[in-house]
Amino acid sequence: MKSRPTQSFGNGTPALDAAVRPGRWGRYAQAITRHQHLTGRTAPDPTEPGPNGPRLAPQFTEWLMCLPDGWVTDVPDVPWPAQLRLLGNGVIPPHAEASYRHLLTRAS
């Protein structure tokens, strides 16, 4: 039997447990609800089955970054690790817009 990650929230609750049960966002429920309202889309499952147990779902990361569905995950022949690498090295569009607006305000 494979072991599960031992990372916790600091209160002894394993971090992965809340993510494995998609209907239970725990203390993140309010933030997830706000983000669903912001994006106009329901949050996808945060995890997916992996070869060693549940793993982060790239679709969830894509959703968190406010990217359109499939922006990275529907590109043909891009495996799971590459999808996460691309998303991890990406820019969150609303943050980029806010940054540019701030820079333009300071420049004028």
N, C-alpha and C. Protein backbone atom coordinates (compact mmCIF):
# COMPACT_ATOMS: atom_id res chain seq x y z
N MET A 1 0.84 -1.18 0.00
CA MET A 1 0.00 0.00 0.00
C MET A 1 0.88 1.25 0.00
N LYS A 2 0.58 2.19 -0.87
CA LYS A 2 1.33 3.43 -0.96
C LYS A 2 0.97 4.33 0.21
N SER A 3 1.95 5.07 0.68
CA SER A 3 1.66 6.01 1.76
C SER A 3 1.10 7.30 1.19
N ARG A 4 0.34 8.00 2.02
CA ARG A 4 -0.24 9.28 1.63
C ARG A 4 0.65 10.41 2.09
N PRO A 5 0.59 11.55 1.45
CA PRO A 5 1.39 12.69 1.89
C PRO A 5 1.05 13.03 3.35
N THR A 6 2.07 13.47 4.07
CA THR A 6 1.87 13.78 5.47
C THR A 6 1.76 15.27 5.73
N GLN A 7 1.83 16.09 4.70
CA GLN A 7 1.71 17.53 4.89
C GLN A 7 0.37 17.85 5.52
N SER A 8 0.38 18.79 6.47
CA SER A 8 -0.88 19.13 7.14
C SER A 8 -1.07 20.63 7.14
N PHE A 9 -2.27 21.05 7.53
CA PHE A 9 -2.61 22.46 7.60
C PHE A 9 -2.01 23.12 8.84
N GLY A 10 -1.36 22.39 9.70
CA GLY A 10 -0.81 22.95 10.92
C GLY A 10 -1.66 22.63 12.13
N ASN A 11 -2.86 22.14 11.90
CA ASN A 11 -3.73 21.76 13.01
C ASN A 11 -3.85 20.25 13.11
N GLY A 12 -2.97 19.53 12.41
CA GLY A 12 -3.00 18.08 12.45
C GLY A 12 -3.86 17.45 11.38
N THR A 13 -4.67 18.25 10.64
CA THR A 13 -5.53 17.73 9.59
C THR A 13 -4.72 17.56 8.32
N PRO A 14 -4.63 16.36 7.77
CA PRO A 14 -3.88 16.18 6.53
C PRO A 14 -4.43 17.07 5.41
N ALA A 15 -3.54 17.75 4.69
CA ALA A 15 -3.93 18.69 3.66
C ALA A 15 -4.67 18.01 2.52
N LEU A 16 -4.29 16.79 2.19
CA LEU A 16 -4.88 16.13 1.04
C LEU A 16 -6.31 15.68 1.31
N ASP A 17 -6.66 15.40 2.56
CA ASP A 17 -7.99 14.87 2.85
C ASP A 17 -9.11 15.77 2.34
N ALA A 18 -9.00 17.08 2.52
CA ALA A 18 -10.05 17.99 2.07
C ALA A 18 -10.12 18.00 0.54
N ALA A 19 -8.98 17.87 -0.12
CA ALA A 19 -8.95 17.92 -1.57
C ALA A 19 -9.48 16.64 -2.20
N VAL A 20 -9.29 15.50 -1.54
CA VAL A 20 -9.73 14.23 -2.12
C VAL A 20 -11.25 14.14 -2.15
N ARG A 21 -11.91 14.83 -1.26
CA ARG A 21 -13.37 14.83 -1.21
C ARG A 21 -13.87 16.14 -1.84
N PRO A 22 -14.13 16.15 -3.16
CA PRO A 22 -14.46 17.38 -3.87
C PRO A 22 -15.62 18.16 -3.27
N GLY A 23 -16.59 17.50 -2.64
CA GLY A 23 -17.72 18.21 -2.06
C GLY A 23 -17.40 18.87 -0.74
N ARG A 24 -16.23 18.65 -0.23
CA ARG A 24 -15.84 19.19 1.08
C ARG A 24 -14.64 20.10 0.93
N TRP A 25 -14.89 21.39 0.87
CA TRP A 25 -13.80 22.35 0.73
C TRP A 25 -13.29 22.81 2.09
N GLY A 26 -13.93 22.36 3.16
CA GLY A 26 -13.47 22.71 4.50
C GLY A 26 -13.39 24.22 4.69
N ARG A 27 -12.30 24.67 5.26
CA ARG A 27 -12.15 26.10 5.55
C ARG A 27 -11.98 26.94 4.29
N TYR A 28 -11.84 26.29 3.14
CA TYR A 28 -11.70 27.03 1.88
C TYR A 28 -13.02 27.20 1.14
N ALA A 29 -14.10 26.74 1.71
CA ALA A 29 -15.41 26.78 1.04
C ALA A 29 -15.79 28.19 0.61
N GLN A 30 -15.60 29.17 1.47
CA GLN A 30 -15.97 30.55 1.14
C GLN A 30 -15.12 31.08 -0.02
N ALA A 31 -13.83 30.79 -0.01
CA ALA A 31 -12.95 31.24 -1.08
C ALA A 31 -13.30 30.56 -2.40
N ILE A 32 -13.60 29.28 -2.35
CA ILE A 32 -13.98 28.55 -3.57
C ILE A 32 -15.28 29.13 -4.12
N THR A 33 -16.24 29.40 -3.25
CA THR A 33 -17.51 29.99 -3.68
C THR A 33 -17.30 31.34 -4.34
N ARG A 34 -16.45 32.18 -3.73
CA ARG A 34 -16.15 33.50 -4.32
C ARG A 34 -15.52 33.34 -5.70
N HIS A 35 -14.58 32.39 -5.81
CA HIS A 35 -13.89 32.20 -7.09
C HIS A 35 -14.84 31.64 -8.15
N GLN A 36 -15.76 30.79 -7.74
CA GLN A 36 -16.77 30.29 -8.68
C GLN A 36 -17.61 31.45 -9.21
N HIS A 37 -17.95 32.37 -8.33
CA HIS A 37 -18.73 33.55 -8.75
C HIS A 37 -17.90 34.42 -9.70
N LEU A 38 -16.64 34.62 -9.36
CA LEU A 38 -15.74 35.43 -10.19
C LEU A 38 -15.58 34.85 -11.59
N THR A 39 -15.36 33.54 -11.67
CA THR A 39 -15.10 32.90 -12.96
C THR A 39 -16.38 32.53 -13.71
N GLY A 40 -17.50 32.42 -12.96
CA GLY A 40 -18.74 31.98 -13.58
C GLY A 40 -18.74 30.49 -13.88
N ARG A 41 -17.80 29.77 -13.28
CA ARG A 41 -17.68 28.33 -13.52
C ARG A 41 -17.58 27.59 -12.19
N THR A 42 -18.13 26.41 -12.16
CA THR A 42 -18.04 25.56 -10.98
C THR A 42 -16.62 25.03 -10.86
N ALA A 43 -16.14 24.94 -9.64
CA ALA A 43 -14.79 24.41 -9.41
C ALA A 43 -14.71 22.95 -9.84
N PRO A 44 -13.71 22.61 -10.63
CA PRO A 44 -13.53 21.20 -10.98
C PRO A 44 -12.95 20.45 -9.78
N ASP A 45 -12.94 19.15 -9.85
CA ASP A 45 -12.33 18.35 -8.80
C ASP A 45 -10.88 18.77 -8.63
N PRO A 46 -10.42 18.93 -7.40
CA PRO A 46 -9.04 19.37 -7.19
C PRO A 46 -8.02 18.27 -7.41
N THR A 47 -8.46 17.03 -7.36
CA THR A 47 -7.53 15.93 -7.56
C THR A 47 -8.07 14.98 -8.62
N GLU A 48 -7.18 14.14 -9.10
CA GLU A 48 -7.54 13.09 -10.04
C GLU A 48 -6.76 11.84 -9.66
N PRO A 49 -7.21 10.68 -10.10
CA PRO A 49 -6.45 9.47 -9.79
C PRO A 49 -5.08 9.51 -10.48
N GLY A 50 -4.08 9.15 -9.74
CA GLY A 50 -2.73 9.08 -10.30
C GLY A 50 -2.15 7.70 -10.07
N PRO A 51 -1.00 7.44 -10.61
CA PRO A 51 -0.41 6.10 -10.46
C PRO A 51 -0.06 5.75 -9.02
N ASN A 52 0.14 6.76 -8.17
CA ASN A 52 0.50 6.52 -6.76
C ASN A 52 -0.57 7.07 -5.82
N GLY A 53 -1.78 7.21 -6.31
CA GLY A 53 -2.86 7.77 -5.49
C GLY A 53 -3.29 9.12 -6.03
N PRO A 54 -4.14 9.83 -5.31
CA PRO A 54 -4.65 11.12 -5.80
C PRO A 54 -3.51 12.11 -6.05
N ARG A 55 -3.68 12.89 -7.11
CA ARG A 55 -2.69 13.92 -7.44
C ARG A 55 -3.44 15.17 -7.88
N LEU A 56 -2.75 16.29 -7.88
CA LEU A 56 -3.34 17.56 -8.26
C LEU A 56 -3.87 17.49 -9.69
N ALA A 57 -5.09 17.95 -9.90
CA ALA A 57 -5.69 17.96 -11.23
C ALA A 57 -5.32 19.27 -11.94
N PRO A 58 -4.69 19.21 -13.09
CA PRO A 58 -4.34 20.43 -13.81
C PRO A 58 -5.56 21.31 -14.13
N GLN A 59 -6.72 20.67 -14.31
CA GLN A 59 -7.94 21.45 -14.59
C GLN A 59 -8.28 22.37 -13.42
N PHE A 60 -8.01 21.91 -12.20
CA PHE A 60 -8.26 22.73 -11.01
C PHE A 60 -7.31 23.93 -10.99
N THR A 61 -6.04 23.68 -11.29
CA THR A 61 -5.06 24.76 -11.34
C THR A 61 -5.43 25.78 -12.41
N GLU A 62 -5.84 25.29 -13.56
CA GLU A 62 -6.27 26.14 -14.68
C GLU A 62 -7.44 27.03 -14.22
N TRP A 63 -8.40 26.44 -13.51
CA TRP A 63 -9.56 27.17 -13.01
C TRP A 63 -9.13 28.21 -11.98
N LEU A 64 -8.24 27.82 -11.06
CA LEU A 64 -7.76 28.76 -10.04
C LEU A 64 -7.07 29.97 -10.67
N MET A 65 -6.42 29.76 -11.80
CA MET A 65 -5.70 30.85 -12.46
C MET A 65 -6.61 31.71 -13.34
N CYS A 66 -7.90 31.41 -13.35
CA CYS A 66 -8.88 32.15 -14.16
C CYS A 66 -8.65 31.98 -15.66
N LEU A 67 -8.03 30.89 -16.04
CA LEU A 67 -7.81 30.61 -17.46
C LEU A 67 -9.04 29.92 -18.03
N PRO A 68 -9.28 30.06 -19.31
CA PRO A 68 -10.40 29.35 -19.94
C PRO A 68 -10.22 27.84 -19.80
N ASP A 69 -11.32 27.12 -19.69
CA ASP A 69 -11.25 25.65 -19.64
C ASP A 69 -10.46 25.14 -20.84
N GLY A 70 -9.51 24.27 -20.60
CA GLY A 70 -8.75 23.67 -21.67
C GLY A 70 -7.59 24.49 -22.19
N TRP A 71 -7.34 25.65 -21.62
CA TRP A 71 -6.26 26.54 -22.09
C TRP A 71 -4.94 25.78 -22.18
N VAL A 72 -4.65 24.98 -21.17
CA VAL A 72 -3.46 24.13 -21.16
C VAL A 72 -3.85 22.67 -21.25
N THR A 73 -4.91 22.30 -20.56
CA THR A 73 -5.26 20.88 -20.42
C THR A 73 -5.82 20.24 -21.68
N ASP A 74 -6.28 21.00 -22.63
CA ASP A 74 -6.80 20.42 -23.87
C ASP A 74 -5.79 20.43 -25.01
N VAL A 75 -4.56 20.88 -24.74
CA VAL A 75 -3.52 20.87 -25.77
C VAL A 75 -3.09 19.41 -25.96
N PRO A 76 -3.13 18.91 -27.20
CA PRO A 76 -2.79 17.50 -27.44
C PRO A 76 -1.35 17.16 -27.05
N ASP A 77 -1.18 15.96 -26.57
CA ASP A 77 0.14 15.38 -26.29
C ASP A 77 0.96 16.13 -25.24
N VAL A 78 0.29 16.80 -24.29
CA VAL A 78 1.00 17.42 -23.18
C VAL A 78 0.66 16.60 -21.94
N PRO A 79 1.63 15.85 -21.41
CA PRO A 79 1.37 14.98 -20.26
C PRO A 79 1.16 15.78 -18.97
N TRP A 80 0.66 15.08 -17.96
CA TRP A 80 0.32 15.70 -16.68
C TRP A 80 1.45 16.54 -16.09
N PRO A 81 2.69 16.03 -16.00
CA PRO A 81 3.74 16.86 -15.38
C PRO A 81 4.01 18.14 -16.17
N ALA A 82 3.95 18.04 -17.48
CA ALA A 82 4.19 19.23 -18.31
C ALA A 82 3.06 20.23 -18.17
N GLN A 83 1.83 19.75 -18.04
CA GLN A 83 0.70 20.67 -17.84
C GLN A 83 0.90 21.47 -16.55
N LEU A 84 1.26 20.79 -15.47
CA LEU A 84 1.48 21.49 -14.20
C LEU A 84 2.67 22.44 -14.28
N ARG A 85 3.71 22.04 -14.99
CA ARG A 85 4.87 22.92 -15.15
C ARG A 85 4.48 24.18 -15.92
N LEU A 86 3.74 24.00 -16.99
CA LEU A 86 3.29 25.15 -17.78
C LEU A 86 2.40 26.08 -16.94
N LEU A 87 1.47 25.49 -16.20
CA LEU A 87 0.59 26.29 -15.36
C LEU A 87 1.37 26.98 -14.25
N GLY A 88 2.32 26.27 -13.66
CA GLY A 88 3.12 26.84 -12.58
C GLY A 88 4.01 27.97 -13.04
N ASN A 89 4.39 27.97 -14.30
CA ASN A 89 5.22 29.04 -14.84
C ASN A 89 4.40 30.11 -15.53
N GLY A 90 3.07 29.98 -15.46
CA GLY A 90 2.19 30.92 -16.14
C GLY A 90 1.87 32.15 -15.31
N VAL A 91 1.17 33.04 -15.93
CA VAL A 91 0.74 34.29 -15.30
C VAL A 91 -0.77 34.23 -15.11
N ILE A 92 -1.25 34.71 -13.98
CA ILE A 92 -2.68 34.78 -13.71
C ILE A 92 -3.19 36.07 -14.35
N PRO A 93 -4.02 35.96 -15.40
CA PRO A 93 -4.43 37.14 -16.16
C PRO A 93 -4.98 38.30 -15.31
N PRO A 94 -5.88 38.08 -14.33
CA PRO A 94 -6.35 39.23 -13.55
C PRO A 94 -5.23 39.92 -12.77
N HIS A 95 -4.23 39.17 -12.32
CA HIS A 95 -3.11 39.76 -11.61
C HIS A 95 -2.25 40.58 -12.57
N ALA A 96 -2.03 40.06 -13.76
CA ALA A 96 -1.25 40.80 -14.75
C ALA A 96 -1.94 42.10 -15.12
N GLU A 97 -3.25 42.05 -15.31
CA GLU A 97 -4.00 43.27 -15.64
C GLU A 97 -3.89 44.30 -14.52
N ALA A 98 -4.06 43.85 -13.29
CA ALA A 98 -3.97 44.78 -12.15
C ALA A 98 -2.57 45.38 -12.06
N SER A 99 -1.55 44.59 -12.33
CA SER A 99 -0.17 45.08 -12.28
C SER A 99 0.07 46.14 -13.35
N TYR A 100 -0.38 45.87 -14.57
CA TYR A 100 -0.21 46.85 -15.65
C TYR A 100 -0.96 48.14 -15.35
N ARG A 101 -2.17 48.03 -14.85
CA ARG A 101 -2.93 49.23 -14.49
C ARG A 101 -2.20 50.05 -13.43
N HIS A 102 -1.64 49.38 -12.45
CA HIS A 102 -0.90 50.07 -11.40
C HIS A 102 0.34 50.76 -11.97
N LEU A 103 1.07 50.05 -12.83
CA LEU A 103 2.26 50.64 -13.43
C LEU A 103 1.91 51.84 -14.32
N LEU A 104 0.82 51.73 -15.08
CA LEU A 104 0.41 52.84 -15.93
C LEU A 104 -0.02 54.05 -15.10
N THR A 105 -0.66 53.82 -14.00
CA THR A 105 -1.07 54.92 -13.11
C THR A 105 0.15 55.61 -12.53
N ARG A 106 1.14 54.84 -12.13
CA ARG A 106 2.35 55.43 -11.56
C ARG A 106 3.18 56.16 -12.60
N ALA A 107 3.12 55.68 -13.85
CA ALA A 107 3.92 56.29 -14.92
C ALA A 107 3.34 57.63 -15.37
N SER A 108 2.05 57.84 -15.17
CA SER A 108 1.44 59.10 -15.66
C SER A 108 1.32 60.14 -14.60
